[in-house]
């Protein structure tokens, strides 16, 4: 922690966008040998992943080269993926700090958000067409070699509406037809659906 703090301070002072790990590794090697250095490398990887994926980390900073219109998150669907695969990272940063706005975003942006979450977690993701997709919004595989989807996902972005039993039954049928391992219903709705199945396996 001491070395990391010094490394961050030095990077900021020198106008660098990354921390040089060599001083930390040298100290770990000196005190704990090769095992200590290897453990530190794993710890650095873990911190780096956390910094890259969480907008709440104090050690994270980003320099955006272009501007994104926040209205695109709420109004008519316009694909914006300058910094992401399905949904721009800046929208994700905004939503993570304004959770109450999640139910107000465009329904297609909600599907893109769920797709982006799985994509950033290393899964192969196929986002449905949005219309005429037979009720399957997102298909997810562990890897490209997997024949049947690991997850079939139905996204419901509601303000106040509750999920009905027909939606649950439809998801179950989709899971069986796709021979998927698991069905997920992802919703912004708060209410009775929490008393039902949150996933179908």
C-alpha atoms as a PDB file:
ATOM      1  CA  UNK A   1       0.000   0.000   0.000  1.00  0.00           C
ATOM      2  CA  UNK A   2       2.845   2.351   0.868  1.00  0.00           C
ATOM      3  CA  UNK A   3       4.596   1.718  -2.455  1.00  0.00           C
ATOM      4  CA  UNK A   4       1.332   2.048  -4.395  1.00  0.00           C
ATOM      5  CA  UNK A   5       0.591   5.410  -2.780  1.00  0.00           C
ATOM      6  CA  UNK A   6       4.067   6.664  -3.635  1.00  0.00           C
ATOM      7  CA  UNK A   7       3.711   5.317  -7.190  1.00  0.00           C
ATOM      8  CA  UNK A   8       0.378   7.097  -7.727  1.00  0.00           C
ATOM      9  CA  UNK A   9       1.757  10.369  -6.323  1.00  0.00           C
ATOM     10  CA  UNK A  10       4.787  10.130  -8.604  1.00  0.00           C
ATOM     11  CA  UNK A  11       2.636   9.364 -11.661  1.00  0.00           C
ATOM     12  CA  UNK A  12       0.383  12.355 -10.986  1.00  0.00           C
ATOM     13  CA  UNK A  13       3.397  14.614 -10.413  1.00  0.00           C
ATOM     14  CA  UNK A  14       4.970  13.523 -13.715  1.00  0.00           C
ATOM     15  CA  UNK A  15       1.689  13.704 -15.655  1.00  0.00           C
ATOM     16  CA  UNK A  16       1.683   9.959 -16.330  1.00  0.00           C
ATOM     17  CA  UNK A  17      -1.486   7.908 -16.799  1.00  0.00           C
ATOM     18  CA  UNK A  18      -0.048   4.739 -15.238  1.00  0.00           C
ATOM     19  CA  UNK A  19       1.978   3.701 -12.206  1.00  0.00           C
ATOM     20  CA  UNK A  20       5.444   2.187 -12.613  1.00  0.00           C
ATOM     21  CA  UNK A  21       5.326  -1.139 -10.708  1.00  0.00           C
ATOM     22  CA  UNK A  22       9.092  -1.714 -10.698  1.00  0.00           C
ATOM     23  CA  UNK A  23       9.863  -0.030  -7.323  1.00  0.00           C
ATOM     24  CA  UNK A  24       7.138  -2.117  -5.661  1.00  0.00           C
ATOM     25  CA  UNK A  25       8.363  -5.323  -7.296  1.00  0.00           C
ATOM     26  CA  UNK A  26      11.962  -4.611  -6.302  1.00  0.00           C
ATOM     27  CA  UNK A  27      10.933  -4.092  -2.684  1.00  0.00           C
ATOM     28  CA  UNK A  28       8.787  -7.263  -2.642  1.00  0.00           C
ATOM     29  CA  UNK A  29      11.619  -9.273  -4.210  1.00  0.00           C
ATOM     30  CA  UNK A  30      14.090  -7.971  -1.637  1.00  0.00           C
ATOM     31  CA  UNK A  31      11.855  -8.699   1.366  1.00  0.00           C
ATOM     32  CA  UNK A  32       9.964 -11.836   0.294  1.00  0.00           C
ATOM     33  CA  UNK A  33      11.805 -13.302  -2.689  1.00  0.00           C
ATOM     34  CA  UNK A  34      10.271 -14.610  -5.905  1.00  0.00           C
ATOM     35  CA  UNK A  35       7.091 -15.796  -4.178  1.00  0.00           C
ATOM     36  CA  UNK A  36       6.451 -12.323  -2.794  1.00  0.00           C
ATOM     37  CA  UNK A  37       7.057 -10.717  -6.193  1.00  0.00           C
ATOM     38  CA  UNK A  38       4.657 -13.162  -7.899  1.00  0.00           C
ATOM     39  CA  UNK A  39       1.996 -12.471  -5.273  1.00  0.00           C
ATOM     40  CA  UNK A  40       2.424  -8.744  -5.836  1.00  0.00           C
ATOM     41  CA  UNK A  41       2.008  -9.171  -9.613  1.00  0.00           C
ATOM     42  CA  UNK A  42      -1.300 -10.967  -9.033  1.00  0.00           C
ATOM     43  CA  UNK A  43      -2.374  -8.212  -6.635  1.00  0.00           C
ATOM     44  CA  UNK A  44      -1.486  -5.534  -9.203  1.00  0.00           C
ATOM     45  CA  UNK A  45      -3.544  -7.360 -11.850  1.00  0.00           C
ATOM     46  CA  UNK A  46      -6.498  -7.490  -9.474  1.00  0.00           C
ATOM     47  CA  UNK A  47      -6.237  -3.771  -8.671  1.00  0.00           C
ATOM     48  CA  UNK A  48      -5.902  -2.904 -12.350  1.00  0.00           C
ATOM     49  CA  UNK A  49      -9.045  -4.854 -13.247  1.00  0.00           C
ATOM     50  CA  UNK A  50     -10.918  -3.142 -10.429  1.00  0.00           C
ATOM     51  CA  UNK A  51      -9.739   0.311 -11.499  1.00  0.00           C
ATOM     52  CA  UNK A  52     -10.691  -0.332 -15.111  1.00  0.00           C
ATOM     53  CA  UNK A  53     -14.195  -1.591 -14.353  1.00  0.00           C
ATOM     54  CA  UNK A  54     -15.307   0.499 -11.397  1.00  0.00           C
ATOM     55  CA  UNK A  55     -15.999   4.223 -11.708  1.00  0.00           C
ATOM     56  CA  UNK A  56     -15.888   4.504  -7.912  1.00  0.00           C
ATOM     57  CA  UNK A  57     -12.175   3.880  -7.418  1.00  0.00           C
ATOM     58  CA  UNK A  58     -10.229   6.912  -6.270  1.00  0.00           C
ATOM     59  CA  UNK A  59      -7.148   5.802  -8.187  1.00  0.00           C
ATOM     60  CA  UNK A  60      -8.858   5.858 -11.571  1.00  0.00           C
ATOM     61  CA  UNK A  61      -8.667   8.714 -14.027  1.00  0.00           C
ATOM     62  CA  UNK A  62      -9.631   8.924 -17.657  1.00  0.00           C
ATOM     63  CA  UNK A  63      -9.042  11.345 -20.494  1.00  0.00           C
ATOM     64  CA  UNK A  64     -11.949  11.365 -22.942  1.00  0.00           C
ATOM     65  CA  UNK A  65     -11.025  12.620 -26.408  1.00  0.00           C
ATOM     66  CA  UNK A  66     -14.603  13.214 -27.554  1.00  0.00           C
ATOM     67  CA  UNK A  67     -17.958  14.224 -26.123  1.00  0.00           C
ATOM     68  CA  UNK A  68     -21.027  12.028 -25.715  1.00  0.00           C
ATOM     69  CA  UNK A  69     -24.541  13.455 -25.411  1.00  0.00           C
ATOM     70  CA  UNK A  70     -26.157  12.253 -22.185  1.00  0.00           C
ATOM     71  CA  UNK A  71     -29.572  12.596 -23.845  1.00  0.00           C
ATOM     72  CA  UNK A  72     -28.671   9.615 -26.046  1.00  0.00           C
ATOM     73  CA  UNK A  73     -29.047   7.458 -22.943  1.00  0.00           C
ATOM     74  CA  UNK A  74     -32.687   8.458 -22.475  1.00  0.00           C
ATOM     75  CA  UNK A  75     -34.089   9.487 -25.857  1.00  0.00           C
ATOM     76  CA  UNK A  76     -34.552   7.604 -29.115  1.00  0.00           C
ATOM     77  CA  UNK A  77     -31.988   4.864 -29.550  1.00  0.00           C
ATOM     78  CA  UNK A  78     -28.674   5.937 -31.073  1.00  0.00           C
ATOM     79  CA  UNK A  79     -25.761   3.487 -30.852  1.00  0.00           C
ATOM     80  CA  UNK A  80     -22.868   5.088 -28.980  1.00  0.00           C
ATOM     81  CA  UNK A  81     -19.917   2.764 -28.449  1.00  0.00           C
ATOM     82  CA  UNK A  82     -16.826   4.967 -28.697  1.00  0.00           C
ATOM     83  CA  UNK A  83     -15.596   3.496 -25.414  1.00  0.00           C
ATOM     84  CA  UNK A  84     -17.163   0.059 -25.146  1.00  0.00           C
ATOM     85  CA  UNK A  85     -18.549  -2.811 -27.185  1.00  0.00           C
ATOM     86  CA  UNK A  86     -22.291  -2.360 -26.654  1.00  0.00           C
ATOM     87  CA  UNK A  87     -22.633   0.720 -24.416  1.00  0.00           C
ATOM     88  CA  UNK A  88     -20.278   3.647 -23.939  1.00  0.00           C
ATOM     89  CA  UNK A  89     -18.348   3.468 -20.653  1.00  0.00           C
ATOM     90  CA  UNK A  90     -19.295   7.060 -19.852  1.00  0.00           C
ATOM     91  CA  UNK A  91     -22.963   6.077 -19.721  1.00  0.00           C
ATOM     92  CA  UNK A  92     -22.065   3.257 -17.339  1.00  0.00           C
ATOM     93  CA  UNK A  93     -20.103   5.674 -15.144  1.00  0.00           C
ATOM     94  CA  UNK A  94     -23.089   8.012 -15.058  1.00  0.00           C
ATOM     95  CA  UNK A  95     -25.579   5.275 -14.177  1.00  0.00           C
ATOM     96  CA  UNK A  96     -23.367   3.814 -11.454  1.00  0.00           C
ATOM     97  CA  UNK A  97     -23.539   7.189  -9.714  1.00  0.00           C
ATOM     98  CA  UNK A  98     -27.224   7.819 -10.530  1.00  0.00           C
ATOM     99  CA  UNK A  99     -28.942   4.482  -9.932  1.00  0.00           C
ATOM    100  CA  UNK A 100     -32.365   6.147  -9.677  1.00  0.00           C
ATOM    101  CA  UNK A 101     -32.093   7.015 -13.375  1.00  0.00           C
ATOM    102  CA  UNK A 102     -31.759   3.372 -14.444  1.00  0.00           C
ATOM    103  CA  UNK A 103     -35.511   2.943 -14.886  1.00  0.00           C
ATOM    104  CA  UNK A 104     -35.664   6.030 -17.116  1.00  0.00           C
ATOM    105  CA  UNK A 105     -33.096   5.065 -19.757  1.00  0.00           C
ATOM    106  CA  UNK A 106     -34.166   3.938 -23.222  1.00  0.00           C
ATOM    107  CA  UNK A 107     -35.182   0.262 -23.200  1.00  0.00           C
ATOM    108  CA  UNK A 108     -32.568  -0.553 -25.848  1.00  0.00           C
ATOM    109  CA  UNK A 109     -29.852   1.097 -23.750  1.00  0.00           C
ATOM    110  CA  UNK A 110     -30.843  -1.201 -20.893  1.00  0.00           C
ATOM    111  CA  UNK A 111     -30.275  -4.223 -23.145  1.00  0.00           C
ATOM    112  CA  UNK A 112     -26.934  -2.764 -24.234  1.00  0.00           C
ATOM    113  CA  UNK A 113     -25.963  -2.191 -20.593  1.00  0.00           C
ATOM    114  CA  UNK A 114     -26.578  -5.838 -19.708  1.00  0.00           C
ATOM    115  CA  UNK A 115     -24.671  -6.953 -22.830  1.00  0.00           C
ATOM    116  CA  UNK A 116     -21.741  -4.701 -21.933  1.00  0.00           C
ATOM    117  CA  UNK A 117     -21.585  -6.100 -18.387  1.00  0.00           C
ATOM    118  CA  UNK A 118     -21.223  -9.665 -19.667  1.00  0.00           C
ATOM    119  CA  UNK A 119     -18.829  -8.625 -22.427  1.00  0.00           C
ATOM    120  CA  UNK A 120     -16.521  -6.858 -19.959  1.00  0.00           C
ATOM    121  CA  UNK A 121     -16.588  -9.996 -17.820  1.00  0.00           C
ATOM    122  CA  UNK A 122     -15.060 -11.981 -20.690  1.00  0.00           C
ATOM    123  CA  UNK A 123     -18.118 -13.691 -22.159  1.00  0.00           C
ATOM    124  CA  UNK A 124     -19.041 -13.941 -25.842  1.00  0.00           C
ATOM    125  CA  UNK A 125     -22.226 -11.893 -26.202  1.00  0.00           C
ATOM    126  CA  UNK A 126     -24.876 -11.621 -28.901  1.00  0.00           C
ATOM    127  CA  UNK A 127     -27.311  -8.732 -28.544  1.00  0.00           C
ATOM    128  CA  UNK A 128     -30.685  -9.401 -30.139  1.00  0.00           C
ATOM    129  CA  UNK A 129     -32.150  -7.231 -32.873  1.00  0.00           C
ATOM    130  CA  UNK A 130     -34.401  -5.421 -30.414  1.00  0.00           C
ATOM    131  CA  UNK A 131     -37.534  -6.215 -32.407  1.00  0.00           C
ATOM    132  CA  UNK A 132     -38.667  -9.570 -33.778  1.00  0.00           C
ATOM    133  CA  UNK A 133     -36.066 -11.302 -31.594  1.00  0.00           C
ATOM    134  CA  UNK A 134     -38.513 -13.934 -30.283  1.00  0.00           C
ATOM    135  CA  UNK A 135     -38.264 -12.448 -26.805  1.00  0.00           C
ATOM    136  CA  UNK A 136     -34.566 -13.231 -26.367  1.00  0.00           C
ATOM    137  CA  UNK A 137     -32.703  -9.978 -25.774  1.00  0.00           C
ATOM    138  CA  UNK A 138     -29.202 -11.307 -25.062  1.00  0.00           C
ATOM    139  CA  UNK A 139     -27.441 -14.624 -25.629  1.00  0.00           C
ATOM    140  CA  UNK A 140     -24.215 -15.325 -23.745  1.00  0.00           C
ATOM    141  CA  UNK A 141     -21.563 -18.028 -24.178  1.00  0.00           C
ATOM    142  CA  UNK A 142     -18.590 -18.876 -21.963  1.00  0.00           C
ATOM    143  CA  UNK A 143     -16.402 -19.093 -25.069  1.00  0.00           C
ATOM    144  CA  UNK A 144     -16.627 -19.334 -28.848  1.00  0.00           C
ATOM    145  CA  UNK A 145     -16.392 -23.133 -28.782  1.00  0.00           C
ATOM    146  CA  UNK A 146     -19.575 -23.504 -26.723  1.00  0.00           C
ATOM    147  CA  UNK A 147     -22.483 -24.685 -28.901  1.00  0.00           C
ATOM    148  CA  UNK A 148     -25.472 -23.703 -26.782  1.00  0.00           C
ATOM    149  CA  UNK A 149     -25.688 -20.437 -24.833  1.00  0.00           C
ATOM    150  CA  UNK A 150     -24.708 -20.384 -21.186  1.00  0.00           C
ATOM    151  CA  UNK A 151     -27.339 -17.702 -20.553  1.00  0.00           C
ATOM    152  CA  UNK A 152     -30.536 -16.622 -22.271  1.00  0.00           C
ATOM    153  CA  UNK A 153     -31.395 -13.158 -20.964  1.00  0.00           C
ATOM    154  CA  UNK A 154     -34.676 -11.288 -21.007  1.00  0.00           C
ATOM    155  CA  UNK A 155     -34.352  -7.567 -20.149  1.00  0.00           C
ATOM    156  CA  UNK A 156     -37.286  -5.602 -18.749  1.00  0.00           C
ATOM    157  CA  UNK A 157     -36.670  -1.914 -18.160  1.00  0.00           C
ATOM    158  CA  UNK A 158     -39.756  -0.755 -16.262  1.00  0.00           C
ATOM    159  CA  UNK A 159     -40.457   2.267 -14.100  1.00  0.00           C
ATOM    160  CA  UNK A 160     -43.266   0.851 -11.992  1.00  0.00           C
ATOM    161  CA  UNK A 161     -44.720  -2.128 -13.856  1.00  0.00           C
ATOM    162  CA  UNK A 162     -44.308  -5.570 -12.341  1.00  0.00           C
ATOM    163  CA  UNK A 163     -43.137  -8.714 -14.086  1.00  0.00           C
ATOM    164  CA  UNK A 164     -45.973 -11.119 -14.820  1.00  0.00           C
ATOM    165  CA  UNK A 165     -45.998 -14.906 -14.844  1.00  0.00           C
ATOM    166  CA  UNK A 166     -46.346 -15.007 -18.641  1.00  0.00           C
ATOM    167  CA  UNK A 167     -42.906 -13.371 -18.965  1.00  0.00           C
ATOM    168  CA  UNK A 168     -41.379 -15.965 -16.627  1.00  0.00           C
ATOM    169  CA  UNK A 169     -42.975 -18.827 -18.543  1.00  0.00           C
ATOM    170  CA  UNK A 170     -41.820 -17.334 -21.846  1.00  0.00           C
ATOM    171  CA  UNK A 171     -38.245 -17.156 -20.591  1.00  0.00           C
ATOM    172  CA  UNK A 172     -38.423 -20.778 -19.470  1.00  0.00           C
ATOM    173  CA  UNK A 173     -39.606 -21.815 -22.949  1.00  0.00           C
ATOM    174  CA  UNK A 174     -36.754 -19.823 -24.542  1.00  0.00           C
ATOM    175  CA  UNK A 175     -34.199 -21.576 -22.313  1.00  0.00           C
ATOM    176  CA  UNK A 176     -35.519 -24.988 -23.320  1.00  0.00           C
ATOM    177  CA  UNK A 177     -35.609 -24.131 -27.027  1.00  0.00           C
ATOM    178  CA  UNK A 178     -32.044 -22.734 -27.033  1.00  0.00           C
ATOM    179  CA  UNK A 179     -30.781 -25.575 -24.810  1.00  0.00           C
ATOM    180  CA  UNK A 180     -29.188 -22.927 -22.627  1.00  0.00           C
ATOM    181  CA  UNK A 181     -27.774 -23.663 -19.186  1.00  0.00           C
ATOM    182  CA  UNK A 182     -29.480 -20.756 -17.441  1.00  0.00           C
ATOM    183  CA  UNK A 183     -32.188 -18.180 -18.052  1.00  0.00           C
ATOM    184  CA  UNK A 184     -31.879 -14.723 -16.520  1.00  0.00           C
ATOM    185  CA  UNK A 185     -34.556 -12.097 -16.150  1.00  0.00           C
ATOM    186  CA  UNK A 186     -32.931  -8.709 -15.576  1.00  0.00           C
ATOM    187  CA  UNK A 187     -35.269  -5.893 -14.576  1.00  0.00           C
ATOM    188  CA  UNK A 188     -35.317  -2.419 -13.061  1.00  0.00           C
ATOM    189  CA  UNK A 189     -38.760  -3.126 -11.627  1.00  0.00           C
ATOM    190  CA  UNK A 190     -39.134  -3.439  -7.881  1.00  0.00           C
ATOM    191  CA  UNK A 191     -41.948  -5.613  -6.660  1.00  0.00           C
ATOM    192  CA  UNK A 192     -43.418  -9.069  -6.794  1.00  0.00           C
ATOM    193  CA  UNK A 193     -40.892 -10.539  -9.223  1.00  0.00           C
ATOM    194  CA  UNK A 194     -38.355 -10.592  -6.398  1.00  0.00           C
ATOM    195  CA  UNK A 195     -40.530 -13.185  -4.727  1.00  0.00           C
ATOM    196  CA  UNK A 196     -40.353 -15.371  -7.840  1.00  0.00           C
ATOM    197  CA  UNK A 197     -37.452 -16.938  -9.631  1.00  0.00           C
ATOM    198  CA  UNK A 198     -34.646 -14.527 -10.368  1.00  0.00           C
ATOM    199  CA  UNK A 199     -33.178 -17.096 -12.723  1.00  0.00           C
ATOM    200  CA  UNK A 200     -34.207 -20.312 -14.381  1.00  0.00           C
ATOM    201  CA  UNK A 201     -31.760 -23.202 -14.340  1.00  0.00           C
END
